[in-house]
Amino acid sequence: KKWLLKRLKLNNVAKPDFVSYEFRRLPNKYVTKAALPTLAWTLHDNTETETVLPYCDNIIFEGFIPKIDK
């Protein structure tokens, strides 16, 4: 079960609109291959945000207000 979930093998059945993945596991070849919008969770500071932002479309954060320059 863990093998299937980690590799997003159930996406062809579930047909998700996005992927939510732990930020410490990004970048990830399975997430990239899925080619879906990606949310990274759960970030706790701006350093983590800066590190993961190139690999995701949005973030789930806790305990701080992210500072994102566009």
PDB file of N, CA and C in Angstrom:
ATOM      1  N   LYS A   1       0.820  -1.183   0.000  1.00  0.00           N
ATOM      2  CA  LYS A   1       0.000   0.000   0.000  1.00  0.00           C
ATOM      3  C   LYS A   1       0.874   1.261   0.000  1.00  0.00           C
ATOM      4  N   LYS A   2       1.904   1.288   0.842  1.00  0.00           N
ATOM      5  CA  LYS A   2       2.793   2.443   0.905  1.00  0.00           C
ATOM      6  C   LYS A   2       3.504   2.647  -0.435  1.00  0.00           C
ATOM      7  N   TRP A   3       3.931   1.564  -1.066  1.00  0.00           N
ATOM      8  CA  TRP A   3       4.604   1.626  -2.362  1.00  0.00           C
ATOM      9  C   TRP A   3       3.689   2.271  -3.405  1.00  0.00           C
ATOM     10  N   LEU A   4       2.433   1.856  -3.454  1.00  0.00           N
ATOM     11  CA  LEU A   4       1.468   2.414  -4.406  1.00  0.00           C
ATOM     12  C   LEU A   4       1.222   3.899  -4.165  1.00  0.00           C
ATOM     13  N   LEU A   5       1.039   4.263  -2.909  1.00  0.00           N
ATOM     14  CA  LEU A   5       0.736   5.660  -2.580  1.00  0.00           C
ATOM     15  C   LEU A   5       1.920   6.577  -2.834  1.00  0.00           C
ATOM     16  N   LYS A   6       3.116   6.143  -2.455  1.00  0.00           N
ATOM     17  CA  LYS A   6       4.312   6.963  -2.646  1.00  0.00           C
ATOM     18  C   LYS A   6       4.549   7.260  -4.124  1.00  0.00           C
ATOM     19  N   ARG A   7       4.250   6.297  -4.960  1.00  0.00           N
ATOM     20  CA  ARG A   7       4.501   6.427  -6.392  1.00  0.00           C
ATOM     21  C   ARG A   7       3.282   6.938  -7.170  1.00  0.00           C
ATOM     22  N   LEU A   8       2.222   7.317  -6.441  1.00  0.00           N
ATOM     23  CA  LEU A   8       1.000   7.873  -7.032  1.00  0.00           C
ATOM     24  C   LEU A   8       0.386   6.924  -8.064  1.00  0.00           C
ATOM     25  N   LYS A   9       0.510   5.630  -7.836  1.00  0.00           N
ATOM     26  CA  LYS A   9       0.017   4.619  -8.777  1.00  0.00           C
ATOM     27  C   LYS A   9      -1.510   4.553  -8.828  1.00  0.00           C
ATOM     28  N   LEU A  10      -2.195   5.109  -7.848  1.00  0.00           N
ATOM     29  CA  LEU A  10      -3.661   5.072  -7.846  1.00  0.00           C
ATOM     30  C   LEU A  10      -4.275   6.284  -8.540  1.00  0.00           C
ATOM     31  N   ASN A  11      -3.439   7.177  -9.061  1.00  0.00           N
ATOM     32  CA  ASN A  11      -3.958   8.368  -9.736  1.00  0.00           C
ATOM     33  C   ASN A  11      -4.804   8.033 -10.955  1.00  0.00           C
ATOM     34  N   ASN A  12      -4.472   6.947 -11.647  1.00  0.00           N
ATOM     35  CA  ASN A  12      -5.266   6.589 -12.823  1.00  0.00           C
ATOM     36  C   ASN A  12      -6.680   6.149 -12.440  1.00  0.00           C
ATOM     37  N   VAL A  13      -6.872   5.710 -11.219  1.00  0.00           N
ATOM     38  CA  VAL A  13      -8.194   5.330 -10.731  1.00  0.00           C
ATOM     39  C   VAL A  13      -8.877   6.529 -10.071  1.00  0.00           C
ATOM     40  N   ALA A  14      -8.152   7.234  -9.216  1.00  0.00           N
ATOM     41  CA  ALA A  14      -8.731   8.346  -8.450  1.00  0.00           C
ATOM     42  C   ALA A  14      -8.926   9.612  -9.291  1.00  0.00           C
ATOM     43  N   LYS A  15      -8.080   9.809 -10.294  1.00  0.00           N
ATOM     44  CA  LYS A  15      -8.127  10.985 -11.164  1.00  0.00           C
ATOM     45  C   LYS A  15      -8.164  12.310 -10.362  1.00  0.00           C
ATOM     46  N   PRO A  16      -7.134  12.545  -9.540  1.00  0.00           N
ATOM     47  CA  PRO A  16      -7.121  13.756  -8.709  1.00  0.00           C
ATOM     48  C   PRO A  16      -6.932  15.018  -9.549  1.00  0.00           C
ATOM     49  N   ASP A  17      -7.379  16.143  -9.001  1.00  0.00           N
ATOM     50  CA  ASP A  17      -7.199  17.442  -9.640  1.00  0.00           C
ATOM     51  C   ASP A  17      -5.866  18.074  -9.259  1.00  0.00           C
ATOM     52  N   PHE A  18      -5.268  17.605  -8.156  1.00  0.00           N
ATOM     53  CA  PHE A  18      -3.984  18.117  -7.689  1.00  0.00           C
ATOM     54  C   PHE A  18      -3.314  17.077  -6.816  1.00  0.00           C
ATOM     55  N   VAL A  19      -2.036  17.305  -6.523  1.00  0.00           N
ATOM     56  CA  VAL A  19      -1.273  16.445  -5.622  1.00  0.00           C
ATOM     57  C   VAL A  19      -0.848  17.286  -4.429  1.00  0.00           C
ATOM     58  N   SER A  20      -1.041  16.763  -3.238  1.00  0.00           N
ATOM     59  CA  SER A  20      -0.554  17.399  -2.018  1.00  0.00           C
ATOM     60  C   SER A  20       0.531  16.485  -1.458  1.00  0.00           C
ATOM     61  N   TYR A  21       1.765  17.028  -1.348  1.00  0.00           N
ATOM     62  CA  TYR A  21       2.905  16.189  -0.998  1.00  0.00           C
ATOM     63  C   TYR A  21       3.741  16.869   0.074  1.00  0.00           C
ATOM     64  N   GLU A  22       4.331  16.074   0.962  1.00  0.00           N
ATOM     65  CA  GLU A  22       5.189  16.629   2.005  1.00  0.00           C
ATOM     66  C   GLU A  22       6.372  17.357   1.369  1.00  0.00           C
ATOM     67  N   PHE A  23       6.596  18.601   1.805  1.00  0.00           N
ATOM     68  CA  PHE A  23       7.619  19.434   1.164  1.00  0.00           C
ATOM     69  C   PHE A  23       9.015  18.830   1.227  1.00  0.00           C
ATOM     70  N   ARG A  24       9.314  18.072   2.264  1.00  0.00           N
ATOM     71  CA  ARG A  24      10.650  17.468   2.395  1.00  0.00           C
ATOM     72  C   ARG A  24      10.924  16.423   1.313  1.00  0.00           C
ATOM     73  N   ARG A  25       9.879  15.962   0.657  1.00  0.00           N
ATOM     74  CA  ARG A  25       9.999  14.932  -0.377  1.00  0.00           C
ATOM     75  C   ARG A  25      10.004  15.517  -1.792  1.00  0.00           C
ATOM     76  N   LEU A  26      10.071  16.848  -1.889  1.00  0.00           N
ATOM     77  CA  LEU A  26      10.108  17.511  -3.198  1.00  0.00           C
ATOM     78  C   LEU A  26      11.496  18.052  -3.458  1.00  0.00           C
ATOM     79  N   PRO A  27      12.013  18.015  -4.672  1.00  0.00           N
ATOM     80  CA  PRO A  27      11.369  17.504  -5.869  1.00  0.00           C
ATOM     81  C   PRO A  27      11.259  15.983  -5.836  1.00  0.00           C
ATOM     82  N   ASN A  28      10.322  15.486  -6.622  1.00  0.00           N
ATOM     83  CA  ASN A  28      10.010  14.074  -6.604  1.00  0.00           C
ATOM     84  C   ASN A  28       9.622  13.644  -8.013  1.00  0.00           C
ATOM     85  N   LYS A  29      10.243  12.610  -8.531  1.00  0.00           N
ATOM     86  CA  LYS A  29       9.989  12.200  -9.916  1.00  0.00           C
ATOM     87  C   LYS A  29       8.555  11.732 -10.135  1.00  0.00           C
ATOM     88  N   TYR A  30       7.918  11.181  -9.111  1.00  0.00           N
ATOM     89  CA  TYR A  30       6.540  10.716  -9.264  1.00  0.00           C
ATOM     90  C   TYR A  30       5.571  11.899  -9.346  1.00  0.00           C
ATOM     91  N   VAL A  31       5.830  12.929  -8.569  1.00  0.00           N
ATOM     92  CA  VAL A  31       5.001  14.134  -8.608  1.00  0.00           C
ATOM     93  C   VAL A  31       5.193  14.841  -9.949  1.00  0.00           C
ATOM     94  N   THR A  32       6.418  14.949 -10.398  1.00  0.00           N
ATOM     95  CA  THR A  32       6.698  15.583 -11.687  1.00  0.00           C
ATOM     96  C   THR A  32       6.007  14.830 -12.812  1.00  0.00           C
ATOM     97  N   LYS A  33       6.088  13.515 -12.791  1.00  0.00           N
ATOM     98  CA  LYS A  33       5.474  12.686 -13.831  1.00  0.00           C
ATOM     99  C   LYS A  33       3.951  12.806 -13.815  1.00  0.00           C
ATOM    100  N   ALA A  34       3.355  13.028 -12.667  1.00  0.00           N
ATOM    101  CA  ALA A  34       1.900  13.154 -12.567  1.00  0.00           C
ATOM    102  C   ALA A  34       1.397  14.392 -13.311  1.00  0.00           C
ATOM    103  N   ALA A  35       2.251  15.408 -13.433  1.00  0.00           N
ATOM    104  CA  ALA A  35       1.924  16.632 -14.177  1.00  0.00           C
ATOM    105  C   ALA A  35       0.607  17.262 -13.712  1.00  0.00           C
ATOM    106  N   LEU A  36       0.424  17.318 -12.407  1.00  0.00           N
ATOM    107  CA  LEU A  36      -0.752  17.942 -11.799  1.00  0.00           C
ATOM    108  C   LEU A  36      -0.304  19.121 -10.941  1.00  0.00           C
ATOM    109  N   PRO A  37      -1.203  20.081 -10.692  1.00  0.00           N
ATOM    110  CA  PRO A  37      -0.855  21.133  -9.740  1.00  0.00           C
ATOM    111  C   PRO A  37      -0.428  20.491  -8.410  1.00  0.00           C
ATOM    112  N   THR A  38       0.615  21.049  -7.807  1.00  0.00           N
ATOM    113  CA  THR A  38       1.191  20.451  -6.600  1.00  0.00           C
ATOM    114  C   THR A  38       1.161  21.429  -5.437  1.00  0.00           C
ATOM    115  N   LEU A  39       0.665  20.951  -4.293  1.00  0.00           N
ATOM    116  CA  LEU A  39       0.712  21.697  -3.043  1.00  0.00           C
ATOM    117  C   LEU A  39       1.730  21.033  -2.135  1.00  0.00           C
ATOM    118  N   ALA A  40       2.586  21.828  -1.523  1.00  0.00           N
ATOM    119  CA  ALA A  40       3.580  21.306  -0.584  1.00  0.00           C
ATOM    120  C   ALA A  40       3.074  21.565   0.834  1.00  0.00           C
ATOM    121  N   TRP A  41       3.183  20.572   1.716  1.00  0.00           N
ATOM    122  CA  TRP A  41       2.724  20.712   3.088  1.00  0.00           C
ATOM    123  C   TRP A  41       3.785  20.253   4.068  1.00  0.00           C
ATOM    124  N   THR A  42       3.672  20.552   5.261  1.00  0.00           N
ATOM    125  CA  THR A  42       3.259  21.762   5.913  1.00  0.00           C
ATOM    126  C   THR A  42       4.529  22.537   6.222  1.00  0.00           C
ATOM    127  N   LEU A  43       4.622  23.747   5.692  1.00  0.00           N
ATOM    128  CA  LEU A  43       5.800  24.585   5.862  1.00  0.00           C
ATOM    129  C   LEU A  43       5.651  25.436   7.121  1.00  0.00           C
ATOM    130  N   HIS A  44       6.783  25.642   7.806  1.00  0.00           N
ATOM    131  CA  HIS A  44       6.760  26.354   9.087  1.00  0.00           C
ATOM    132  C   HIS A  44       7.578  27.634   9.108  1.00  0.00           C
ATOM    133  N   ASP A  45       8.285  27.950   8.019  1.00  0.00           N
ATOM    134  CA  ASP A  45       9.032  29.212   7.979  1.00  0.00           C
ATOM    135  C   ASP A  45       9.369  29.578   6.531  1.00  0.00           C
ATOM    136  N   ASN A  46       9.870  30.788   6.360  1.00  0.00           N
ATOM    137  CA  ASN A  46      10.172  31.287   5.024  1.00  0.00           C
ATOM    138  C   ASN A  46      11.339  30.570   4.358  1.00  0.00           C
ATOM    139  N   THR A  47      12.255  30.038   5.135  1.00  0.00           N
ATOM    140  CA  THR A  47      13.368  29.280   4.564  1.00  0.00           C
ATOM    141  C   THR A  47      12.847  28.032   3.854  1.00  0.00           C
ATOM    142  N   GLU A  48      11.942  27.320   4.495  1.00  0.00           N
ATOM    143  CA  GLU A  48      11.337  26.147   3.861  1.00  0.00           C
ATOM    144  C   GLU A  48      10.581  26.553   2.597  1.00  0.00           C
ATOM    145  N   THR A  49       9.896  27.686   2.654  1.00  0.00           N
ATOM    146  CA  THR A  49       9.139  28.180   1.503  1.00  0.00           C
ATOM    147  C   THR A  49      10.067  28.435   0.325  1.00  0.00           C
ATOM    148  N   GLU A  50      11.158  29.138   0.556  1.00  0.00           N
ATOM    149  CA  GLU A  50      12.109  29.443  -0.512  1.00  0.00           C
ATOM    150  C   GLU A  50      12.699  28.170  -1.124  1.00  0.00           C
ATOM    151  N   THR A  51      12.920  27.177  -0.298  1.00  0.00           N
ATOM    152  CA  THR A  51      13.511  25.924  -0.763  1.00  0.00           C
ATOM    153  C   THR A  51      12.563  25.143  -1.666  1.00  0.00           C
ATOM    154  N   VAL A  52      11.296  25.098  -1.323  1.00  0.00           N
ATOM    155  CA  VAL A  52      10.354  24.222  -2.033  1.00  0.00           C
ATOM    156  C   VAL A  52       9.559  24.917  -3.135  1.00  0.00           C
ATOM    157  N   LEU A  53       9.476  26.215  -3.118  1.00  0.00           N
ATOM    158  CA  LEU A  53       8.635  26.938  -4.076  1.00  0.00           C
ATOM    159  C   LEU A  53       8.921  26.613  -5.550  1.00  0.00           C
ATOM    160  N   PRO A  54      10.167  26.379  -5.954  1.00  0.00           N
ATOM    161  CA  PRO A  54      10.395  26.023  -7.361  1.00  0.00           C
ATOM    162  C   PRO A  54       9.758  24.685  -7.776  1.00  0.00           C
ATOM    163  N   TYR A  55       9.384  23.862  -6.818  1.00  0.00           N
ATOM    164  CA  TYR A  55       8.884  22.518  -7.114  1.00  0.00           C
ATOM    165  C   TYR A  55       7.389  22.349  -6.893  1.00  0.00           C
ATOM    166  N   CYS A  56       6.699  23.423  -6.558  1.00  0.00           N
ATOM    167  CA  CYS A  56       5.266  23.297  -6.291  1.00  0.00           C
ATOM    168  C   CYS A  56       4.516  24.520  -6.805  1.00  0.00           C
ATOM    169  N   ASP A  57       3.214  24.403  -6.859  1.00  0.00           N
ATOM    170  CA  ASP A  57       2.362  25.490  -7.336  1.00  0.00           C
ATOM    171  C   ASP A  57       1.806  26.336  -6.193  1.00  0.00           C
ATOM    172  N   ASN A  58       1.713  25.753  -5.014  1.00  0.00           N
ATOM    173  CA  ASN A  58       1.218  26.465  -3.848  1.00  0.00           C
ATOM    174  C   ASN A  58       1.693  25.732  -2.605  1.00  0.00           C
ATOM    175  N   ILE A  59       1.493  26.368  -1.454  1.00  0.00           N
ATOM    176  CA  ILE A  59       1.962  25.766  -0.199  1.00  0.00           C
ATOM    177  C   ILE A  59       0.851  25.751   0.841  1.00  0.00           C
ATOM    178  N   ILE A  60       0.990  24.836   1.772  1.00  0.00           N
ATOM    179  CA  ILE A  60       0.164  24.802   2.977  1.00  0.00           C
ATOM    180  C   ILE A  60       1.121  25.161   4.104  1.00  0.00           C
ATOM    181  N   PHE A  61       0.818  26.249   4.822  1.00  0.00           N
ATOM    182  CA  PHE A  61       1.747  26.729   5.841  1.00  0.00           C
ATOM    183  C   PHE A  61       1.068  26.807   7.199  1.00  0.00           C
ATOM    184  N   GLU A  62       1.904  26.882   8.246  1.00  0.00           N
ATOM    185  CA  GLU A  62       1.402  26.918   9.618  1.00  0.00           C
ATOM    186  C   GLU A  62       2.349  27.725  10.492  1.00  0.00           C
ATOM    187  N   GLY A  63       1.799  28.661  11.258  1.00  0.00           N
ATOM    188  CA  GLY A  63       2.563  29.374  12.264  1.00  0.00           C
ATOM    189  C   GLY A  63       3.366  30.565  11.771  1.00  0.00           C
ATOM    190  N   PHE A  64       3.188  30.977  10.514  1.00  0.00           N
ATOM    191  CA  PHE A  64       3.899  32.146   9.997  1.00  0.00           C
ATOM    192  C   PHE A  64       3.156  32.638   8.766  1.00  0.00           C
ATOM    193  N   ILE A  65       3.455  33.866   8.354  1.00  0.00           N
ATOM    194  CA  ILE A  65       2.907  34.422   7.129  1.00  0.00           C
ATOM    195  C   ILE A  65       4.014  34.372   6.074  1.00  0.00           C
ATOM    196  N   PRO A  66       3.836  33.605   5.011  1.00  0.00           N
ATOM    197  CA  PRO A  66       4.902  33.497   4.016  1.00  0.00           C
ATOM    198  C   PRO A  66       5.146  34.804   3.266  1.00  0.00           C
ATOM    199  N   LYS A  67       6.418  35.038   2.967  1.00  0.00           N
ATOM    200  CA  LYS A  67       6.823  36.202   2.178  1.00  0.00           C
ATOM    201  C   LYS A  67       7.291  35.672   0.826  1.00  0.00           C
ATOM    202  N   ILE A  68       6.435  35.856  -0.178  1.00  0.00           N
ATOM    203  CA  ILE A  68       6.731  35.323  -1.497  1.00  0.00           C
ATOM    204  C   ILE A  68       6.855  36.494  -2.464  1.00  0.00           C
ATOM    205  N   ASP A  69       8.042  36.632  -3.066  1.00  0.00           N
ATOM    206  CA  ASP A  69       8.268  37.659  -4.078  1.00  0.00           C
ATOM    207  C   ASP A  69       7.921  37.085  -5.438  1.00  0.00           C
ATOM    208  N   LYS A  70       7.207  37.857  -6.230  1.00  0.00           N
ATOM    209  CA  LYS A  70       6.851  37.391  -7.574  1.00  0.00           C
ATOM    210  C   LYS A  70       7.492  38.240  -8.598  1.00  0.00           C
TER     211      LYS A  70
END
